[in-house]
């Protein structure tokens, strides 16, 4: 009997099991190995400038392919989470939002503006 392919992906069915395997085998780490060529990619965190889109998914997919390719070719590969890279873009989005209220970041002052940035992030 052929199993039917589910209409929706359920990550619980596979990801918990595979995550455990990766943790048990220490696949989330890379150690400096002078006998292997190093390869690394720093993963930018998600932006808080708006809704994630297909471009984000494509970027992560390409990075995943590259890391796996280099790892399969025997290179010491590391795909490492990075730090925020969109602070200025986030500021711009929040400034545009408060401008619709007839305000500027200078009108709010530093502390109130930062509060608004955190509110935007929660959205």
PDB file of N, CA and C in Angstrom:
ATOM      1  N   UNK A   1       0.848  -1.183   0.000  1.00  0.00           N
ATOM      2  CA  UNK A   1       0.000   0.000   0.000  1.00  0.00           C
ATOM      3  C   UNK A   1       0.893   1.245   0.000  1.00  0.00           C
ATOM      4  N   UNK A   2       0.591   2.196  -0.850  1.00  0.00           N
ATOM      5  CA  UNK A   2       1.345   3.431  -0.960  1.00  0.00           C
ATOM      6  C   UNK A   2       0.789   4.440   0.051  1.00  0.00           C
ATOM      7  N   UNK A   3       1.705   5.031   0.829  1.00  0.00           N
ATOM      8  CA  UNK A   3       1.278   6.059   1.779  1.00  0.00           C
ATOM      9  C   UNK A   3       0.951   7.341   1.038  1.00  0.00           C
ATOM     10  N   UNK A   4      -0.092   8.008   1.506  1.00  0.00           N
ATOM     11  CA  UNK A   4      -0.465   9.283   0.900  1.00  0.00           C
ATOM     12  C   UNK A   4       0.423  10.386   1.464  1.00  0.00           C
ATOM     13  N   UNK A   5       0.854  11.285   0.605  1.00  0.00           N
ATOM     14  CA  UNK A   5       1.651  12.422   1.042  1.00  0.00           C
ATOM     15  C   UNK A   5       0.709  13.442   1.674  1.00  0.00           C
ATOM     16  N   UNK A   6       1.009  13.880   2.887  1.00  0.00           N
ATOM     17  CA  UNK A   6       0.129  14.856   3.539  1.00  0.00           C
ATOM     18  C   UNK A   6       0.066  16.164   2.752  1.00  0.00           C
ATOM     19  N   UNK A   7      -1.050  16.847   2.838  1.00  0.00           N
ATOM     20  CA  UNK A   7      -1.212  18.103   2.108  1.00  0.00           C
ATOM     21  C   UNK A   7      -0.432  19.244   2.760  1.00  0.00           C
ATOM     22  N   UNK A   8      -0.090  19.093   4.037  1.00  0.00           N
ATOM     23  CA  UNK A   8       0.692  20.117   4.739  1.00  0.00           C
ATOM     24  C   UNK A   8       1.875  19.475   5.449  1.00  0.00           C
ATOM     25  N   UNK A   9       2.977  20.210   5.489  1.00  0.00           N
ATOM     26  CA  UNK A   9       4.169  19.743   6.194  1.00  0.00           C
ATOM     27  C   UNK A   9       3.961  19.914   7.690  1.00  0.00           C
ATOM     28  N   UNK A  10       4.221  18.852   8.438  1.00  0.00           N
ATOM     29  CA  UNK A  10       4.133  18.905   9.888  1.00  0.00           C
ATOM     30  C   UNK A  10       5.536  18.725  10.449  1.00  0.00           C
ATOM     31  N   UNK A  11       6.193  19.816  10.868  1.00  0.00           N
ATOM     32  CA  UNK A  11       7.574  19.714  11.330  1.00  0.00           C
ATOM     33  C   UNK A  11       7.742  18.791  12.535  1.00  0.00           C
ATOM     34  N   UNK A  12       6.728  18.656  13.356  1.00  0.00           N
ATOM     35  CA  UNK A  12       6.832  17.796  14.544  1.00  0.00           C
ATOM     36  C   UNK A  12       7.105  16.336  14.168  1.00  0.00           C
ATOM     37  N   UNK A  13       6.653  15.930  12.993  1.00  0.00           N
ATOM     38  CA  UNK A  13       6.821  14.537  12.587  1.00  0.00           C
ATOM     39  C   UNK A  13       8.274  14.169  12.307  1.00  0.00           C
ATOM     40  N   UNK A  14       9.084  15.139  11.937  1.00  0.00           N
ATOM     41  CA  UNK A  14      10.466  14.816  11.574  1.00  0.00           C
ATOM     42  C   UNK A  14      11.514  15.635  12.294  1.00  0.00           C
ATOM     43  N   UNK A  15      11.246  16.916  12.508  1.00  0.00           N
ATOM     44  CA  UNK A  15      12.306  17.806  12.982  1.00  0.00           C
ATOM     45  C   UNK A  15      12.803  17.488  14.386  1.00  0.00           C
ATOM     46  N   UNK A  16      11.915  17.117  15.309  1.00  0.00           N
ATOM     47  CA  UNK A  16      12.364  16.791  16.662  1.00  0.00           C
ATOM     48  C   UNK A  16      13.360  15.621  16.646  1.00  0.00           C
ATOM     49  N   UNK A  17      13.050  14.615  15.866  1.00  0.00           N
ATOM     50  CA  UNK A  17      13.933  13.445  15.775  1.00  0.00           C
ATOM     51  C   UNK A  17      15.289  13.815  15.176  1.00  0.00           C
ATOM     52  N   UNK A  18      15.276  14.556  14.062  1.00  0.00           N
ATOM     53  CA  UNK A  18      16.526  14.902  13.402  1.00  0.00           C
ATOM     54  C   UNK A  18      17.332  15.923  14.199  1.00  0.00           C
ATOM     55  N   UNK A  19      16.660  16.833  14.875  1.00  0.00           N
ATOM     56  CA  UNK A  19      17.369  17.804  15.713  1.00  0.00           C
ATOM     57  C   UNK A  19      18.159  17.072  16.801  1.00  0.00           C
ATOM     58  N   UNK A  20      17.524  16.073  17.381  1.00  0.00           N
ATOM     59  CA  UNK A  20      18.189  15.272  18.418  1.00  0.00           C
ATOM     60  C   UNK A  20      19.429  14.572  17.848  1.00  0.00           C
ATOM     61  N   UNK A  21      19.308  14.006  16.661  1.00  0.00           N
ATOM     62  CA  UNK A  21      20.455  13.344  16.014  1.00  0.00           C
ATOM     63  C   UNK A  21      21.587  14.344  15.799  1.00  0.00           C
ATOM     64  N   UNK A  22      21.250  15.539  15.319  1.00  0.00           N
ATOM     65  CA  UNK A  22      22.279  16.560  15.082  1.00  0.00           C
ATOM     66  C   UNK A  22      22.957  16.953  16.392  1.00  0.00           C
ATOM     67  N   UNK A  23      22.165  17.113  17.467  1.00  0.00           N
ATOM     68  CA  UNK A  23      22.763  17.468  18.758  1.00  0.00           C
ATOM     69  C   UNK A  23      23.659  16.347  19.278  1.00  0.00           C
ATOM     70  N   UNK A  24      23.183  15.099  19.206  1.00  0.00           N
ATOM     71  CA  UNK A  24      23.955  13.960  19.705  1.00  0.00           C
ATOM     72  C   UNK A  24      25.269  13.786  18.958  1.00  0.00           C
ATOM     73  N   UNK A  25      25.280  14.118  17.676  1.00  0.00           N
ATOM     74  CA  UNK A  25      26.486  13.958  16.867  1.00  0.00           C
ATOM     75  C   UNK A  25      27.315  15.242  16.760  1.00  0.00           C
ATOM     76  N   UNK A  26      26.918  16.255  17.533  1.00  0.00           N
ATOM     77  CA  UNK A  26      27.658  17.515  17.589  1.00  0.00           C
ATOM     78  C   UNK A  26      27.780  18.180  16.208  1.00  0.00           C
ATOM     79  N   UNK A  27      26.725  18.064  15.407  1.00  0.00           N
ATOM     80  CA  UNK A  27      26.749  18.634  14.061  1.00  0.00           C
ATOM     81  C   UNK A  27      26.612  20.154  14.046  1.00  0.00           C
ATOM     82  N   UNK A  28      26.244  20.747  15.180  1.00  0.00           N
ATOM     83  CA  UNK A  28      26.074  22.196  15.235  1.00  0.00           C
ATOM     84  C   UNK A  28      27.370  22.919  15.580  1.00  0.00           C
ATOM     85  N   UNK A  29      28.476  22.240  15.548  1.00  0.00           N
ATOM     86  CA  UNK A  29      29.736  22.901  15.891  1.00  0.00           C
ATOM     87  C   UNK A  29      30.778  22.619  14.823  1.00  0.00           C
ATOM     88  N   UNK A  30      31.750  23.476  14.799  1.00  0.00           N
ATOM     89  CA  UNK A  30      32.888  23.292  13.904  1.00  0.00           C
ATOM     90  C   UNK A  30      34.135  23.633  14.704  1.00  0.00           C
ATOM     91  N   UNK A  31      35.130  22.851  14.548  1.00  0.00           N
ATOM     92  CA  UNK A  31      36.387  23.094  15.244  1.00  0.00           C
ATOM     93  C   UNK A  31      37.457  23.391  14.200  1.00  0.00           C
ATOM     94  N   UNK A  32      38.367  24.274  14.584  1.00  0.00           N
ATOM     95  CA  UNK A  32      39.478  24.573  13.678  1.00  0.00           C
ATOM     96  C   UNK A  32      40.269  23.295  13.438  1.00  0.00           C
ATOM     97  N   UNK A  33      40.431  22.942  12.192  1.00  0.00           N
ATOM     98  CA  UNK A  33      41.174  21.747  11.824  1.00  0.00           C
ATOM     99  C   UNK A  33      42.145  22.143  10.717  1.00  0.00           C
ATOM    100  N   UNK A  34      43.424  22.303  11.073  1.00  0.00           N
ATOM    101  CA  UNK A  34      44.400  22.774  10.077  1.00  0.00           C
ATOM    102  C   UNK A  34      44.533  21.870   8.856  1.00  0.00           C
ATOM    103  N   UNK A  35      44.083  20.624   8.974  1.00  0.00           N
ATOM    104  CA  UNK A  35      44.205  19.732   7.827  1.00  0.00           C
ATOM    105  C   UNK A  35      43.029  19.884   6.849  1.00  0.00           C
ATOM    106  N   UNK A  36      42.021  20.672   7.228  1.00  0.00           N
ATOM    107  CA  UNK A  36      40.867  20.892   6.359  1.00  0.00           C
ATOM    108  C   UNK A  36      40.769  22.365   5.984  1.00  0.00           C
ATOM    109  N   UNK A  37      40.298  22.609   4.791  1.00  0.00           N
ATOM    110  CA  UNK A  37      40.049  23.969   4.338  1.00  0.00           C
ATOM    111  C   UNK A  37      38.802  24.488   5.070  1.00  0.00           C
ATOM    112  N   UNK A  38      38.869  25.684   5.642  1.00  0.00           N
ATOM    113  CA  UNK A  38      37.682  26.212   6.331  1.00  0.00           C
ATOM    114  C   UNK A  38      36.698  26.874   5.366  1.00  0.00           C
ATOM    115  N   UNK A  39      35.424  26.806   5.711  1.00  0.00           N
ATOM    116  CA  UNK A  39      34.376  27.502   4.968  1.00  0.00           C
ATOM    117  C   UNK A  39      33.310  27.915   5.965  1.00  0.00           C
ATOM    118  N   UNK A  40      32.903  29.181   5.934  1.00  0.00           N
ATOM    119  CA  UNK A  40      31.857  29.628   6.859  1.00  0.00           C
ATOM    120  C   UNK A  40      30.962  30.667   6.206  1.00  0.00           C
ATOM    121  N   UNK A  41      29.744  30.719   6.703  1.00  0.00           N
ATOM    122  CA  UNK A  41      28.766  31.729   6.316  1.00  0.00           C
ATOM    123  C   UNK A  41      28.150  32.239   7.611  1.00  0.00           C
ATOM    124  N   UNK A  42      28.035  33.551   7.735  1.00  0.00           N
ATOM    125  CA  UNK A  42      27.359  34.138   8.884  1.00  0.00           C
ATOM    126  C   UNK A  42      25.911  34.392   8.478  1.00  0.00           C
ATOM    127  N   UNK A  43      24.992  33.846   9.253  1.00  0.00           N
ATOM    128  CA  UNK A  43      23.562  33.981   8.967  1.00  0.00           C
ATOM    129  C   UNK A  43      23.063  35.302   9.532  1.00  0.00           C
ATOM    130  N   UNK A  44      22.563  36.195   8.701  1.00  0.00           N
ATOM    131  CA  UNK A  44      21.955  37.396   9.276  1.00  0.00           C
ATOM    132  C   UNK A  44      20.644  37.017   9.958  1.00  0.00           C
ATOM    133  N   UNK A  45      20.332  37.672  11.079  1.00  0.00           N
ATOM    134  CA  UNK A  45      19.057  37.372  11.743  1.00  0.00           C
ATOM    135  C   UNK A  45      17.895  37.926  10.931  1.00  0.00           C
ATOM    136  N   UNK A  46      16.674  37.492  11.246  1.00  0.00           N
ATOM    137  CA  UNK A  46      15.521  38.049  10.528  1.00  0.00           C
ATOM    138  C   UNK A  46      15.430  39.555  10.733  1.00  0.00           C
ATOM    139  N   UNK A  47      15.009  40.249   9.702  1.00  0.00           N
ATOM    140  CA  UNK A  47      14.813  41.694   9.810  1.00  0.00           C
ATOM    141  C   UNK A  47      13.558  41.989  10.610  1.00  0.00           C
ATOM    142  N   UNK A  48      13.539  43.155  11.238  1.00  0.00           N
ATOM    143  CA  UNK A  48      12.308  43.605  11.885  1.00  0.00           C
ATOM    144  C   UNK A  48      11.700  44.756  11.092  1.00  0.00           C
ATOM    145  N   UNK A  49      12.079  44.839   9.831  1.00  0.00           N
ATOM    146  CA  UNK A  49      11.595  45.930   8.987  1.00  0.00           C
ATOM    147  C   UNK A  49      10.273  45.610   8.317  1.00  0.00           C
ATOM    148  N   UNK A  50       9.804  44.416   8.410  1.00  0.00           N
ATOM    149  CA  UNK A  50       8.545  44.059   7.775  1.00  0.00           C
ATOM    150  C   UNK A  50       8.359  42.559   7.772  1.00  0.00           C
ATOM    151  N   UNK A  51       7.504  42.093   6.939  1.00  0.00           N
ATOM    152  CA  UNK A  51       7.151  40.676   6.864  1.00  0.00           C
ATOM    153  C   UNK A  51       8.201  39.922   6.054  1.00  0.00           C
ATOM    154  N   UNK A  52       8.547  38.735   6.528  1.00  0.00           N
ATOM    155  CA  UNK A  52       9.473  37.899   5.773  1.00  0.00           C
ATOM    156  C   UNK A  52       8.826  37.504   4.449  1.00  0.00           C
ATOM    157  N   UNK A  53       9.640  37.325   3.421  1.00  0.00           N
ATOM    158  CA  UNK A  53       9.115  37.013   2.098  1.00  0.00           C
ATOM    159  C   UNK A  53       9.950  35.916   1.450  1.00  0.00           C
ATOM    160  N   UNK A  54       9.613  35.566   0.227  1.00  0.00           N
ATOM    161  CA  UNK A  54      10.280  34.475  -0.488  1.00  0.00           C
ATOM    162  C   UNK A  54      11.772  34.727  -0.665  1.00  0.00           C
ATOM    163  N   UNK A  55      12.169  35.990  -0.767  1.00  0.00           N
ATOM    164  CA  UNK A  55      13.590  36.306  -0.893  1.00  0.00           C
ATOM    165  C   UNK A  55      14.378  35.842   0.324  1.00  0.00           C
ATOM    166  N   UNK A  56      13.779  35.965   1.508  1.00  0.00           N
ATOM    167  CA  UNK A  56      14.436  35.480   2.723  1.00  0.00           C
ATOM    168  C   UNK A  56      14.582  33.952   2.666  1.00  0.00           C
ATOM    169  N   UNK A  57      13.524  33.281   2.262  1.00  0.00           N
ATOM    170  CA  UNK A  57      13.581  31.826   2.157  1.00  0.00           C
ATOM    171  C   UNK A  57      14.613  31.390   1.125  1.00  0.00           C
ATOM    172  N   UNK A  58      14.667  32.075   0.004  1.00  0.00           N
ATOM    173  CA  UNK A  58      15.648  31.748  -1.032  1.00  0.00           C
ATOM    174  C   UNK A  58      17.068  31.933  -0.506  1.00  0.00           C
ATOM    175  N   UNK A  59      17.319  33.050   0.166  1.00  0.00           N
ATOM    176  CA  UNK A  59      18.645  33.325   0.710  1.00  0.00           C
ATOM    177  C   UNK A  59      19.088  32.223   1.676  1.00  0.00           C
ATOM    178  N   UNK A  60      18.187  31.847   2.585  1.00  0.00           N
ATOM    179  CA  UNK A  60      18.542  30.790   3.541  1.00  0.00           C
ATOM    180  C   UNK A  60      18.747  29.446   2.848  1.00  0.00           C
ATOM    181  N   UNK A  61      17.964  29.173   1.823  1.00  0.00           N
ATOM    182  CA  UNK A  61      18.108  27.926   1.078  1.00  0.00           C
ATOM    183  C   UNK A  61      19.466  27.867   0.383  1.00  0.00           C
ATOM    184  N   UNK A  62      19.854  28.962  -0.242  1.00  0.00           N
ATOM    185  CA  UNK A  62      21.155  29.007  -0.927  1.00  0.00           C
ATOM    186  C   UNK A  62      22.295  28.821   0.076  1.00  0.00           C
ATOM    187  N   UNK A  63      22.199  29.491   1.226  1.00  0.00           N
ATOM    188  CA  UNK A  63      23.223  29.327   2.254  1.00  0.00           C
ATOM    189  C   UNK A  63      23.303  27.873   2.722  1.00  0.00           C
ATOM    190  N   UNK A  64      22.155  27.264   2.933  1.00  0.00           N
ATOM    191  CA  UNK A  64      22.107  25.866   3.376  1.00  0.00           C
ATOM    192  C   UNK A  64      22.778  24.957   2.347  1.00  0.00           C
ATOM    193  N   UNK A  65      22.468  25.168   1.077  1.00  0.00           N
ATOM    194  CA  UNK A  65      23.065  24.368  -0.001  1.00  0.00           C
ATOM    195  C   UNK A  65      24.584  24.535  -0.006  1.00  0.00           C
ATOM    196  N   UNK A  66      25.050  25.777   0.102  1.00  0.00           N
ATOM    197  CA  UNK A  66      26.490  26.034   0.080  1.00  0.00           C
ATOM    198  C   UNK A  66      27.214  25.378   1.260  1.00  0.00           C
ATOM    199  N   UNK A  67      26.644  25.499   2.445  1.00  0.00           N
ATOM    200  CA  UNK A  67      27.269  24.880   3.623  1.00  0.00           C
ATOM    201  C   UNK A  67      27.326  23.368   3.450  1.00  0.00           C
ATOM    202  N   UNK A  68      26.232  22.760   3.023  1.00  0.00           N
ATOM    203  CA  UNK A  68      26.212  21.296   2.834  1.00  0.00           C
ATOM    204  C   UNK A  68      27.209  20.871   1.747  1.00  0.00           C
ATOM    205  N   UNK A  69      27.268  21.618   0.667  1.00  0.00           N
ATOM    206  CA  UNK A  69      28.198  21.308  -0.423  1.00  0.00           C
ATOM    207  C   UNK A  69      29.640  21.307   0.081  1.00  0.00           C
ATOM    208  N   UNK A  70      30.004  22.354   0.783  1.00  0.00           N
ATOM    209  CA  UNK A  70      31.383  22.449   1.275  1.00  0.00           C
ATOM    210  C   UNK A  70      31.677  21.386   2.339  1.00  0.00           C
ATOM    211  N   UNK A  71      30.694  21.094   3.171  1.00  0.00           N
ATOM    212  CA  UNK A  71      30.878  20.048   4.178  1.00  0.00           C
ATOM    213  C   UNK A  71      31.063  18.688   3.497  1.00  0.00           C
ATOM    214  N   UNK A  72      30.257  18.424   2.477  1.00  0.00           N
ATOM    215  CA  UNK A  72      30.359  17.144   1.765  1.00  0.00           C
ATOM    216  C   UNK A  72      31.689  17.029   1.013  1.00  0.00           C
ATOM    217  N   UNK A  73      32.301  18.155   0.678  1.00  0.00           N
ATOM    218  CA  UNK A  73      33.610  18.138   0.023  1.00  0.00           C
ATOM    219  C   UNK A  73      34.760  18.104   1.024  1.00  0.00           C
ATOM    220  N   UNK A  74      34.443  17.851   2.290  1.00  0.00           N
ATOM    221  CA  UNK A  74      35.468  17.653   3.300  1.00  0.00           C
ATOM    222  C   UNK A  74      35.987  18.910   3.958  1.00  0.00           C
ATOM    223  N   UNK A  75      35.376  20.044   3.676  1.00  0.00           N
ATOM    224  CA  UNK A  75      35.828  21.283   4.304  1.00  0.00           C
ATOM    225  C   UNK A  75      35.216  21.410   5.694  1.00  0.00           C
ATOM    226  N   UNK A  76      35.933  22.063   6.592  1.00  0.00           N
ATOM    227  CA  UNK A  76      35.413  22.333   7.934  1.00  0.00           C
ATOM    228  C   UNK A  76      34.442  23.496   7.807  1.00  0.00           C
ATOM    229  N   UNK A  77      33.146  23.186   7.822  1.00  0.00           N
ATOM    230  CA  UNK A  77      32.124  24.174   7.490  1.00  0.00           C
ATOM    231  C   UNK A  77      31.341  24.610   8.721  1.00  0.00           C
ATOM    232  N   UNK A  78      31.059  25.905   8.781  1.00  0.00           N
ATOM    233  CA  UNK A  78      30.296  26.464   9.887  1.00  0.00           C
ATOM    234  C   UNK A  78      29.286  27.469   9.356  1.00  0.00           C
ATOM    235  N   UNK A  79      28.043  27.270   9.726  1.00  0.00           N
ATOM    236  CA  UNK A  79      26.959  28.191   9.387  1.00  0.00           C
ATOM    237  C   UNK A  79      26.566  28.857  10.697  1.00  0.00           C
ATOM    238  N   UNK A  80      27.039  30.051  10.939  1.00  0.00           N
ATOM    239  CA  UNK A  80      26.963  30.671  12.250  1.00  0.00           C
ATOM    240  C   UNK A  80      25.975  31.826  12.292  1.00  0.00           C
ATOM    241  N   UNK A  81      25.077  31.825  13.294  1.00  0.00           N
ATOM    242  CA  UNK A  81      24.172  32.967  13.438  1.00  0.00           C
ATOM    243  C   UNK A  81      24.956  34.252  13.647  1.00  0.00           C
ATOM    244  N   UNK A  82      24.508  35.305  12.993  1.00  0.00           N
ATOM    245  CA  UNK A  82      25.194  36.585  13.087  1.00  0.00           C
ATOM    246  C   UNK A  82      24.470  37.555  14.003  1.00  0.00           C
ATOM    247  N   UNK A  83      24.811  38.802  13.862  1.00  0.00           N
ATOM    248  CA  UNK A  83      24.198  39.856  14.673  1.00  0.00           C
ATOM    249  C   UNK A  83      23.359  40.752  13.785  1.00  0.00           C
ATOM    250  N   UNK A  84      22.588  41.605  14.428  1.00  0.00           N
ATOM    251  CA  UNK A  84      21.668  42.477  13.705  1.00  0.00           C
ATOM    252  C   UNK A  84      22.401  43.287  12.634  1.00  0.00           C
ATOM    253  N   UNK A  85      21.804  43.346  11.473  1.00  0.00           N
ATOM    254  CA  UNK A  85      22.391  44.092  10.373  1.00  0.00           C
ATOM    255  C   UNK A  85      21.395  45.097   9.795  1.00  0.00           C
ATOM    256  N   UNK A  86      20.246  45.231  10.431  1.00  0.00           N
ATOM    257  CA  UNK A  86      19.197  46.055   9.840  1.00  0.00           C
ATOM    258  C   UNK A  86      18.744  47.182  10.759  1.00  0.00           C
ATOM    259  N   UNK A  87      19.615  47.618  11.655  1.00  0.00           N
ATOM    260  CA  UNK A  87      19.238  48.671  12.592  1.00  0.00           C
ATOM    261  C   UNK A  87      18.807  49.954  11.903  1.00  0.00           C
ATOM    262  N   UNK A  88      19.547  50.362  10.890  1.00  0.00           N
ATOM    263  CA  UNK A  88      19.210  51.605  10.186  1.00  0.00           C
ATOM    264  C   UNK A  88      17.901  51.438   9.414  1.00  0.00           C
ATOM    265  N   UNK A  89      17.721  50.284   8.791  1.00  0.00           N
ATOM    266  CA  UNK A  89      16.475  50.038   8.053  1.00  0.00           C
ATOM    267  C   UNK A  89      15.283  50.008   9.007  1.00  0.00           C
ATOM    268  N   UNK A  90      15.469  49.421  10.184  1.00  0.00           N
ATOM    269  CA  UNK A  90      14.395  49.387  11.180  1.00  0.00           C
ATOM    270  C   UNK A  90      14.054  50.805  11.627  1.00  0.00           C
ATOM    271  N   UNK A  91      15.080  51.588  11.894  1.00  0.00           N
ATOM    272  CA  UNK A  91      14.859  52.986  12.297  1.00  0.00           C
ATOM    273  C   UNK A  91      14.054  53.710  11.230  1.00  0.00           C
ATOM    274  N   UNK A  92      14.396  53.489   9.973  1.00  0.00           N
ATOM    275  CA  UNK A  92      13.706  54.142   8.861  1.00  0.00           C
ATOM    276  C   UNK A  92      12.221  53.764   8.840  1.00  0.00           C
ATOM    277  N   UNK A  93      11.923  52.490   9.015  1.00  0.00           N
ATOM    278  CA  UNK A  93      10.532  52.028   8.990  1.00  0.00           C
ATOM    279  C   UNK A  93       9.741  52.663  10.131  1.00  0.00           C
ATOM    280  N   UNK A  94      10.329  52.702  11.322  1.00  0.00           N
ATOM    281  CA  UNK A  94       9.633  53.287  12.474  1.00  0.00           C
ATOM    282  C   UNK A  94       9.462  54.792  12.286  1.00  0.00           C
ATOM    283  N   UNK A  95      10.467  55.460  11.757  1.00  0.00           N
ATOM    284  CA  UNK A  95      10.349  56.905  11.503  1.00  0.00           C
ATOM    285  C   UNK A  95       9.222  57.195  10.518  1.00  0.00           C
ATOM    286  N   UNK A  96       9.077  56.364   9.482  1.00  0.00           N
ATOM    287  CA  UNK A  96       7.986  56.555   8.524  1.00  0.00           C
ATOM    288  C   UNK A  96       6.629  56.365   9.203  1.00  0.00           C
ATOM    289  N   UNK A  97       6.553  55.376  10.102  1.00  0.00           N
ATOM    290  CA  UNK A  97       5.289  55.107  10.800  1.00  0.00           C
ATOM    291  C   UNK A  97       4.900  56.272  11.710  1.00  0.00           C
ATOM    292  N   UNK A  98       5.852  56.822  12.451  1.00  0.00           N
ATOM    293  CA  UNK A  98       5.505  57.927  13.350  1.00  0.00           C
ATOM    294  C   UNK A  98       5.281  59.236  12.584  1.00  0.00           C
ATOM    295  N   UNK A  99       5.884  59.328  11.384  1.00  0.00           N
ATOM    296  CA  UNK A  99       5.656  60.521  10.547  1.00  0.00           C
ATOM    297  C   UNK A  99       4.186  60.617  10.153  1.00  0.00           C
ATOM    298  N   UNK A 100       3.531  59.462   9.991  1.00  0.00           N
ATOM    299  CA  UNK A 100       2.095  59.449   9.662  1.00  0.00           C
ATOM    300  C   UNK A 100       1.265  60.040  10.801  1.00  0.00           C
ATOM    301  N   UNK A 101       1.871  60.068  12.004  1.00  0.00           N
ATOM    302  CA  UNK A 101       1.208  60.677  13.165  1.00  0.00           C
ATOM    303  C   UNK A 101       1.633  62.141  13.332  1.00  0.00           C
ATOM    304  N   UNK A 102       2.423  62.637  12.382  1.00  0.00           N
ATOM    305  CA  UNK A 102       2.900  64.009  12.447  1.00  0.00           C
ATOM    306  C   UNK A 102       4.056  64.207  13.424  1.00  0.00           C
ATOM    307  N   UNK A 103       4.761  63.109  13.730  1.00  0.00           N
ATOM    308  CA  UNK A 103       5.865  63.168  14.681  1.00  0.00           C
ATOM    309  C   UNK A 103       7.182  62.771  14.022  1.00  0.00           C
ATOM    310  N   UNK A 104       8.267  63.150  14.661  1.00  0.00           N
ATOM    311  CA  UNK A 104       9.594  62.685  14.252  1.00  0.00           C
ATOM    312  C   UNK A 104      10.240  62.032  15.461  1.00  0.00           C
ATOM    313  N   UNK A 105      11.341  61.341  15.220  1.00  0.00           N
ATOM    314  CA  UNK A 105      12.030  60.696  16.343  1.00  0.00           C
ATOM    315  C   UNK A 105      12.535  61.740  17.326  1.00  0.00           C
ATOM    316  N   UNK A 106      12.882  62.911  16.824  1.00  0.00           N
ATOM    317  CA  UNK A 106      13.349  63.992  17.709  1.00  0.00           C
ATOM    318  C   UNK A 106      12.208  64.517  18.572  1.00  0.00           C
ATOM    319  N   UNK A 107      10.980  64.502  18.026  1.00  0.00           N
ATOM    320  CA  UNK A 107       9.817  64.894  18.833  1.00  0.00           C
ATOM    321  C   UNK A 107       9.621  63.938  20.001  1.00  0.00           C
ATOM    322  N   UNK A 108       9.837  62.662  19.754  1.00  0.00           N
ATOM    323  CA  UNK A 108       9.638  61.646  20.799  1.00  0.00           C
ATOM    324  C   UNK A 108      10.771  61.628  21.814  1.00  0.00           C
ATOM    325  N   UNK A 109      11.975  61.900  21.363  1.00  0.00           N
ATOM    326  CA  UNK A 109      13.137  61.738  22.237  1.00  0.00           C
ATOM    327  C   UNK A 109      13.630  60.296  22.159  1.00  0.00           C
ATOM    328  N   UNK A 110      14.857  60.100  22.586  1.00  0.00           N
ATOM    329  CA  UNK A 110      15.508  58.793  22.445  1.00  0.00           C
ATOM    330  C   UNK A 110      14.727  57.645  23.115  1.00  0.00           C
ATOM    331  N   UNK A 111      14.384  57.820  24.380  1.00  0.00           N
ATOM    332  CA  UNK A 111      13.732  56.728  25.122  1.00  0.00           C
ATOM    333  C   UNK A 111      12.377  56.344  24.526  1.00  0.00           C
ATOM    334  N   UNK A 112      11.557  57.337  24.200  1.00  0.00           N
ATOM    335  CA  UNK A 112      10.235  57.051  23.615  1.00  0.00           C
ATOM    336  C   UNK A 112      10.378  56.448  22.219  1.00  0.00           C
ATOM    337  N   UNK A 113      11.365  56.935  21.451  1.00  0.00           N
ATOM    338  CA  UNK A 113      11.581  56.373  20.123  1.00  0.00           C
ATOM    339  C   UNK A 113      11.987  54.902  20.232  1.00  0.00           C
ATOM    340  N   UNK A 114      12.873  54.591  21.146  1.00  0.00           N
ATOM    341  CA  UNK A 114      13.288  53.190  21.336  1.00  0.00           C
ATOM    342  C   UNK A 114      12.097  52.336  21.749  1.00  0.00           C
ATOM    343  N   UNK A 115      11.222  52.885  22.591  1.00  0.00           N
ATOM    344  CA  UNK A 115       9.992  52.149  22.942  1.00  0.00           C
ATOM    345  C   UNK A 115       9.183  51.825  21.697  1.00  0.00           C
ATOM    346  N   UNK A 116       9.082  52.784  20.783  1.00  0.00           N
ATOM    347  CA  UNK A 116       8.332  52.570  19.543  1.00  0.00           C
ATOM    348  C   UNK A 116       8.997  51.502  18.665  1.00  0.00           C
ATOM    349  N   UNK A 117      10.328  51.489  18.637  1.00  0.00           N
ATOM    350  CA  UNK A 117      11.045  50.460  17.876  1.00  0.00           C
ATOM    351  C   UNK A 117      10.713  49.089  18.449  1.00  0.00           C
ATOM    352  N   UNK A 118      10.725  48.960  19.768  1.00  0.00           N
ATOM    353  CA  UNK A 118      10.394  47.671  20.387  1.00  0.00           C
ATOM    354  C   UNK A 118       8.936  47.286  20.123  1.00  0.00           C
ATOM    355  N   UNK A 119       8.034  48.264  20.102  1.00  0.00           N
ATOM    356  CA  UNK A 119       6.630  47.969  19.767  1.00  0.00           C
ATOM    357  C   UNK A 119       6.544  47.438  18.339  1.00  0.00           C
ATOM    358  N   UNK A 120       7.281  48.086  17.418  1.00  0.00           N
ATOM    359  CA  UNK A 120       7.297  47.636  16.023  1.00  0.00           C
ATOM    360  C   UNK A 120       7.801  46.207  15.930  1.00  0.00           C
ATOM    361  N   UNK A 121       8.864  45.920  16.671  1.00  0.00           N
ATOM    362  CA  UNK A 121       9.446  44.573  16.672  1.00  0.00           C
ATOM    363  C   UNK A 121       8.393  43.550  17.110  1.00  0.00           C
ATOM    364  N   UNK A 122       7.599  43.884  18.119  1.00  0.00           N
ATOM    365  CA  UNK A 122       6.579  42.946  18.596  1.00  0.00           C
ATOM    366  C   UNK A 122       5.513  42.677  17.540  1.00  0.00           C
ATOM    367  N   UNK A 123       5.254  43.670  16.682  1.00  0.00           N
ATOM    368  CA  UNK A 123       4.299  43.468  15.585  1.00  0.00           C
ATOM    369  C   UNK A 123       4.842  42.479  14.597  1.00  0.00           C
TER     370      UNK A 123
END
